[in-house]
N, C-alpha and C. Protein backbone atom coordinates (compact mmCIF):
# COMPACT_ATOMS: atom_id res chain seq x y z
N MET A 1 66.92 90.48 120.20
CA MET A 1 66.17 89.71 121.16
C MET A 1 67.76 89.77 121.95
N ASN A 2 68.91 89.10 121.90
CA ASN A 2 69.60 88.89 122.27
C ASN A 2 70.29 89.81 123.08
N ASP A 3 70.56 90.94 122.31
CA ASP A 3 71.20 92.16 122.90
C ASP A 3 70.39 92.89 123.37
N PHE A 4 69.11 92.73 123.78
CA PHE A 4 67.47 93.12 124.80
C PHE A 4 68.48 92.46 125.97
N GLY A 5 68.60 91.07 126.27
CA GLY A 5 68.83 90.27 126.95
C GLY A 5 70.06 90.92 127.73
N TRP A 6 71.03 91.33 127.15
CA TRP A 6 72.02 91.84 127.24
C TRP A 6 72.34 93.08 128.34
N LYS A 7 71.55 94.19 127.95
CA LYS A 7 71.51 94.93 128.33
C LYS A 7 70.00 94.83 129.82
N VAL A 8 69.24 93.56 130.17
CA VAL A 8 68.74 93.57 130.96
C VAL A 8 69.55 93.49 132.04
N LEU A 9 70.50 92.58 131.73
CA LEU A 9 71.33 91.75 132.45
C LEU A 9 72.64 92.95 133.42
N LYS A 10 72.75 93.59 132.26
CA LYS A 10 73.68 94.72 132.66
C LYS A 10 73.11 95.58 133.53
N MET A 11 71.83 95.88 133.56
CA MET A 11 70.99 96.77 134.41
C MET A 11 70.11 96.02 135.50
N ASN A 12 70.65 94.60 135.86
CA ASN A 12 70.41 93.99 136.91
C ASN A 12 71.82 94.09 137.70
N ASP A 13 73.07 94.12 137.12
CA ASP A 13 74.40 94.35 137.46
C ASP A 13 73.98 95.40 137.73
N PHE A 14 73.94 96.51 137.49
CA PHE A 14 73.41 98.27 138.02
C PHE A 14 72.91 97.90 139.32
N GLY A 15 71.35 97.31 138.98
CA GLY A 15 70.74 97.10 140.44
C GLY A 15 70.99 97.06 141.54
N ARG A 16 72.21 95.57 141.42
CA ARG A 16 73.08 95.04 142.20
C ARG A 16 73.92 95.67 143.04
N LYS A 17 74.63 96.46 142.24
CA LYS A 17 75.52 97.90 142.89
C LYS A 17 74.78 98.41 143.62
N LEU A 18 73.38 99.05 142.97
CA LEU A 18 72.91 99.80 143.61
C LEU A 18 72.49 99.26 144.88
N LEU A 19 71.97 98.22 145.09
CA LEU A 19 71.80 97.55 146.42
C LEU A 19 72.84 97.63 147.39
N LYS A 20 73.76 97.23 146.96
CA LYS A 20 75.25 97.31 147.81
C LYS A 20 75.79 98.31 148.63
N MET A 21 75.27 99.73 147.12
CA MET A 21 76.02 101.07 147.94
C MET A 21 74.71 101.54 148.94
N ASN A 22 73.01 101.43 148.69
CA ASN A 22 72.55 100.94 149.87
C ASN A 22 72.86 100.30 151.02
N ASP A 23 73.33 99.35 150.69
CA ASP A 23 73.60 98.40 152.12
C ASP A 23 74.95 99.20 153.05
N PHE A 24 75.62 100.11 151.93
CA PHE A 24 76.81 101.12 152.39
C PHE A 24 76.19 101.62 153.41
N ALA A 25 75.26 102.40 152.55
CA ALA A 25 74.81 103.45 153.00
C ALA A 25 74.66 103.55 154.46
N GLU A 26 73.73 102.17 154.64
CA GLU A 26 73.17 102.07 156.14
C GLU A 26 74.24 102.23 157.04
N ASN A 27 74.98 100.97 156.95
CA ASN A 27 76.20 100.98 157.64
C ASN A 27 77.05 102.13 157.63
N LEU A 28 76.98 103.14 157.20
CA LEU A 28 77.24 104.68 157.30
C LEU A 28 76.50 104.97 158.33
N SER A 29 75.52 104.91 158.22
CA SER A 29 74.76 105.69 158.93
C SER A 29 74.24 105.37 160.54
N ASP A 30 74.58 104.53 160.16
CA ASP A 30 74.38 103.49 161.92
C ASP A 30 75.46 103.23 162.03
N PHE A 31 77.02 103.63 162.09
CA PHE A 31 78.26 104.16 162.18
C PHE A 31 78.19 105.70 162.80
N CYS A 32 77.05 106.51 162.00
CA CYS A 32 77.32 107.92 162.15
C CYS A 32 76.55 108.29 163.47
N ARG A 33 75.04 106.99 164.14
CA ARG A 33 74.42 106.95 165.03
C ARG A 33 75.31 106.43 165.87
N LYS A 34 76.42 105.87 166.28
CA LYS A 34 76.83 105.49 166.99
C LYS A 34 78.07 106.65 167.57
N LEU A 35 78.39 106.90 166.46
CA LEU A 35 79.66 107.89 166.65
C LEU A 35 78.47 109.67 167.56
N LEU A 36 77.49 109.49 167.72
CA LEU A 36 76.94 110.56 167.94
C LEU A 36 76.60 109.82 169.56
N LYS A 37 76.40 109.09 169.59
CA LYS A 37 75.90 108.73 170.74
C LYS A 37 77.21 108.58 171.21
N THR A 38 78.84 108.10 171.11
CA THR A 38 79.96 108.46 171.95
C THR A 38 79.87 109.71 171.75
N ASN A 39 79.44 110.78 171.39
CA ASN A 39 79.51 112.04 171.60
C ASN A 39 79.09 112.70 172.40
N ASP A 40 77.73 112.17 172.81
CA ASP A 40 76.77 112.30 173.83
C ASP A 40 77.44 111.75 174.53
N PHE A 41 78.22 111.17 175.34
CA PHE A 41 78.75 110.25 176.23
C PHE A 41 79.81 111.79 176.27
N GLY A 42 80.96 111.74 175.34
CA GLY A 42 81.84 112.95 175.96
C GLY A 42 81.55 113.71 176.04
N ARG A 43 80.02 114.37 175.64
CA ARG A 43 79.49 115.81 176.18
C ARG A 43 79.01 115.26 177.97
N LYS A 44 78.66 114.22 178.59
CA LYS A 44 78.39 113.88 179.61
C LYS A 44 79.38 114.07 180.26
N LEU A 45 80.54 113.40 179.54
CA LEU A 45 82.15 113.56 180.60
C LEU A 45 82.21 114.35 180.69
N LEU A 46 82.46 115.68 179.70
CA LEU A 46 82.86 117.15 179.90
C LEU A 46 82.32 117.92 181.24
N LYS A 47 80.66 117.37 181.39
CA LYS A 47 79.80 118.09 182.34
C LYS A 47 80.84 117.44 183.48
N THR A 48 80.49 116.66 183.75
CA THR A 48 80.96 115.91 184.75
C THR A 48 82.51 116.16 185.22
N ASN A 49 83.40 116.75 184.34
CA ASN A 49 84.97 116.89 184.54
C ASN A 49 84.39 118.57 184.60
N ASP A 50 83.60 119.49 184.51
CA ASP A 50 83.26 120.34 184.62
C ASP A 50 83.06 120.38 186.52
N PHE A 51 81.90 119.50 186.67
CA PHE A 51 81.54 119.50 187.76
C PHE A 51 82.84 119.30 189.08
N ALA A 52 83.59 118.38 188.74
CA ALA A 52 84.85 117.73 189.69
C ALA A 52 85.28 119.26 189.48
């Protein structure tokens, strides 16, 4: 029973790590979205450059 309790605790730890990884992935995708937006902005700048 005690052994089982330890295994559950370890799995809980693993779950916490998974949640942290999920948070990290969300932050990464947010960052990528911002990068894409700045990329769009860069493209618009290039177009105005072409126009100029």
